[in-house]
Amino acid sequence: MTRPNRPAPPPLEANDQLVTGVIAAGWAVALVTLLIARGSIPAADRWWIWTCATGLGVGVFGLCYVPVLKRSRARAAQRRASRQTGHGQASGQAN
């Protein structure tokens, strides 16, 4: 006997900038912690400092990029909606 497949749940919505900011803050805390303790970190393990610096850099980039991405997605959704309702057809037709 097979069980019927349930439909996939809808994606979770979150405040993307808050999530990105918290993650970037975590990398910043880790970086500061490692910089304070760098004297006691063996030379072979100091690559963790650069890992944290890179994570912080990517997080700051994400904080700047997330609003741009959200605006772009909103414009694309608006264009799709206008095409489906027929409002966007007049601009593409030749007279």
C-alpha atoms as a PDB file:
ATOM      1  CA  MET A   1       0.000   0.000   0.000  1.00  0.00           C
ATOM      2  CA  THR A   2       1.483   3.355  -1.012  1.00  0.00           C
ATOM      3  CA  ARG A   3       0.823   6.578   0.761  1.00  0.00           C
ATOM      4  CA  PRO A   4      -0.404   9.515  -1.329  1.00  0.00           C
ATOM      5  CA  ASN A   5       2.123  12.302  -1.703  1.00  0.00           C
ATOM      6  CA  ARG A   6       1.309  15.475   0.143  1.00  0.00           C
ATOM      7  CA  PRO A   7       1.811  18.776  -1.699  1.00  0.00           C
ATOM      8  CA  ALA A   8       4.956  20.705  -0.891  1.00  0.00           C
ATOM      9  CA  PRO A   9       4.484  23.396   1.752  1.00  0.00           C
ATOM     10  CA  PRO A  10       4.792  27.026   0.657  1.00  0.00           C
ATOM     11  CA  PRO A  11       8.204  28.646   1.155  1.00  0.00           C
ATOM     12  CA  LEU A  12       8.779  30.456   4.427  1.00  0.00           C
ATOM     13  CA  GLU A  13       8.936  34.218   4.280  1.00  0.00           C
ATOM     14  CA  ALA A  14      11.502  36.071   6.366  1.00  0.00           C
ATOM     15  CA  ASN A  15      13.005  39.509   6.717  1.00  0.00           C
ATOM     16  CA  ASP A  16      15.976  38.897   4.433  1.00  0.00           C
ATOM     17  CA  GLN A  17      17.932  41.936   5.567  1.00  0.00           C
ATOM     18  CA  LEU A  18      17.553  40.961   9.215  1.00  0.00           C
ATOM     19  CA  VAL A  19      18.736  37.416   8.514  1.00  0.00           C
ATOM     20  CA  THR A  20      21.699  38.705   6.493  1.00  0.00           C
ATOM     21  CA  GLY A  21      22.555  41.256   9.193  1.00  0.00           C
ATOM     22  CA  VAL A  22      22.502  38.664  11.968  1.00  0.00           C
ATOM     23  CA  ILE A  23      24.768  36.346   9.983  1.00  0.00           C
ATOM     24  CA  ALA A  24      27.172  39.218   9.172  1.00  0.00           C
ATOM     25  CA  ALA A  25      27.194  40.191  12.853  1.00  0.00           C
ATOM     26  CA  GLY A  26      28.075  36.598  13.751  1.00  0.00           C
ATOM     27  CA  TRP A  27      31.047  36.704  11.392  1.00  0.00           C
ATOM     28  CA  ALA A  28      32.093  40.064  12.889  1.00  0.00           C
ATOM     29  CA  VAL A  29      31.979  38.657  16.432  1.00  0.00           C
ATOM     30  CA  ALA A  30      34.007  35.630  15.338  1.00  0.00           C
ATOM     31  CA  LEU A  31      36.542  37.878  13.595  1.00  0.00           C
ATOM     32  CA  VAL A  32      36.980  40.133  16.633  1.00  0.00           C
ATOM     33  CA  THR A  33      37.307  37.095  18.897  1.00  0.00           C
ATOM     34  CA  LEU A  34      39.989  35.562  16.681  1.00  0.00           C
ATOM     35  CA  LEU A  35      41.855  38.850  16.361  1.00  0.00           C
ATOM     36  CA  ILE A  36      41.950  39.180  20.144  1.00  0.00           C
ATOM     37  CA  ALA A  37      43.188  35.607  20.542  1.00  0.00           C
ATOM     38  CA  ARG A  38      45.470  35.541  17.493  1.00  0.00           C
ATOM     39  CA  GLY A  39      48.606  35.276  19.623  1.00  0.00           C
ATOM     40  CA  SER A  40      47.485  31.944  21.027  1.00  0.00           C
ATOM     41  CA  ILE A  41      46.329  30.532  17.666  1.00  0.00           C
ATOM     42  CA  PRO A  42      48.908  28.298  15.970  1.00  0.00           C
ATOM     43  CA  ALA A  43      50.234  29.703  12.690  1.00  0.00           C
ATOM     44  CA  ALA A  44      48.728  26.776  10.768  1.00  0.00           C
ATOM     45  CA  ASP A  45      45.241  27.679  12.043  1.00  0.00           C
ATOM     46  CA  ARG A  46      45.286  31.432  11.400  1.00  0.00           C
ATOM     47  CA  TRP A  47      43.405  30.914   8.150  1.00  0.00           C
ATOM     48  CA  TRP A  48      40.276  31.088  10.310  1.00  0.00           C
ATOM     49  CA  ILE A  49      40.856  34.845  10.605  1.00  0.00           C
ATOM     50  CA  TRP A  50      40.637  35.193   6.826  1.00  0.00           C
ATOM     51  CA  THR A  51      37.583  32.958   6.749  1.00  0.00           C
ATOM     52  CA  CYS A  52      35.814  35.272   9.192  1.00  0.00           C
ATOM     53  CA  ALA A  53      36.942  38.369   7.289  1.00  0.00           C
ATOM     54  CA  THR A  54      35.608  36.866   4.050  1.00  0.00           C
ATOM     55  CA  GLY A  55      32.325  35.904   5.727  1.00  0.00           C
ATOM     56  CA  LEU A  56      31.935  39.443   7.047  1.00  0.00           C
ATOM     57  CA  GLY A  57      32.696  40.876   3.594  1.00  0.00           C
ATOM     58  CA  VAL A  58      30.128  38.634   1.927  1.00  0.00           C
ATOM     59  CA  GLY A  59      27.606  39.547   4.638  1.00  0.00           C
ATOM     60  CA  VAL A  60      28.107  43.284   4.068  1.00  0.00           C
ATOM     61  CA  PHE A  61      27.755  42.717   0.319  1.00  0.00           C
ATOM     62  CA  GLY A  62      24.529  40.816   1.023  1.00  0.00           C
ATOM     63  CA  LEU A  63      23.187  43.677   3.119  1.00  0.00           C
ATOM     64  CA  CYS A  64      23.722  46.001   0.167  1.00  0.00           C
ATOM     65  CA  TYR A  65      22.453  43.546  -2.464  1.00  0.00           C
ATOM     66  CA  VAL A  66      19.280  42.204  -0.813  1.00  0.00           C
ATOM     67  CA  PRO A  67      17.255  45.436  -1.339  1.00  0.00           C
ATOM     68  CA  VAL A  68      18.334  45.557  -4.994  1.00  0.00           C
ATOM     69  CA  LEU A  69      17.312  41.928  -5.465  1.00  0.00           C
ATOM     70  CA  LYS A  70      13.922  42.484  -3.797  1.00  0.00           C
ATOM     71  CA  ARG A  71      13.182  45.514  -6.006  1.00  0.00           C
ATOM     72  CA  SER A  72      14.185  43.569  -9.104  1.00  0.00           C
ATOM     73  CA  ARG A  73      11.947  40.642  -8.168  1.00  0.00           C
ATOM     74  CA  ALA A  74       9.036  42.983  -7.436  1.00  0.00           C
ATOM     75  CA  ARG A  75       9.426  44.653 -10.860  1.00  0.00           C
ATOM     76  CA  ALA A  76       9.574  41.248 -12.581  1.00  0.00           C
ATOM     77  CA  ALA A  77       6.435  40.095 -10.760  1.00  0.00           C
ATOM     78  CA  GLN A  78       4.675  43.310 -11.738  1.00  0.00           C
ATOM     79  CA  ARG A  79       5.644  42.807 -15.408  1.00  0.00           C
ATOM     80  CA  ARG A  80       4.384  39.206 -15.316  1.00  0.00           C
ATOM     81  CA  ALA A  81       1.111  40.299 -13.735  1.00  0.00           C
ATOM     82  CA  SER A  82       0.586  43.039 -16.323  1.00  0.00           C
ATOM     83  CA  ARG A  83       1.262  40.589 -19.185  1.00  0.00           C
ATOM     84  CA  GLN A  84      -1.226  38.091 -17.778  1.00  0.00           C
ATOM     85  CA  THR A  85      -3.975  40.706 -17.510  1.00  0.00           C
ATOM     86  CA  GLY A  86      -3.216  42.118 -20.982  1.00  0.00           C
ATOM     87  CA  HIS A  87      -2.156  45.598 -19.858  1.00  0.00           C
ATOM     88  CA  GLY A  88       1.380  45.236 -21.212  1.00  0.00           C
ATOM     89  CA  GLN A  89       0.378  44.201 -24.752  1.00  0.00           C
ATOM     90  CA  ALA A  90      -0.258  47.665 -26.185  1.00  0.00           C
ATOM     91  CA  SER A  91       3.355  48.796 -25.867  1.00  0.00           C
ATOM     92  CA  GLY A  92       4.684  45.813 -27.816  1.00  0.00           C
ATOM     93  CA  GLN A  93       2.324  46.070 -30.814  1.00  0.00           C
ATOM     94  CA  ALA A  94       3.190  47.988 -33.948  1.00  0.00           C
ATOM     95  CA  ASN A  95       0.523  50.366 -35.325  1.00  0.00           C
END
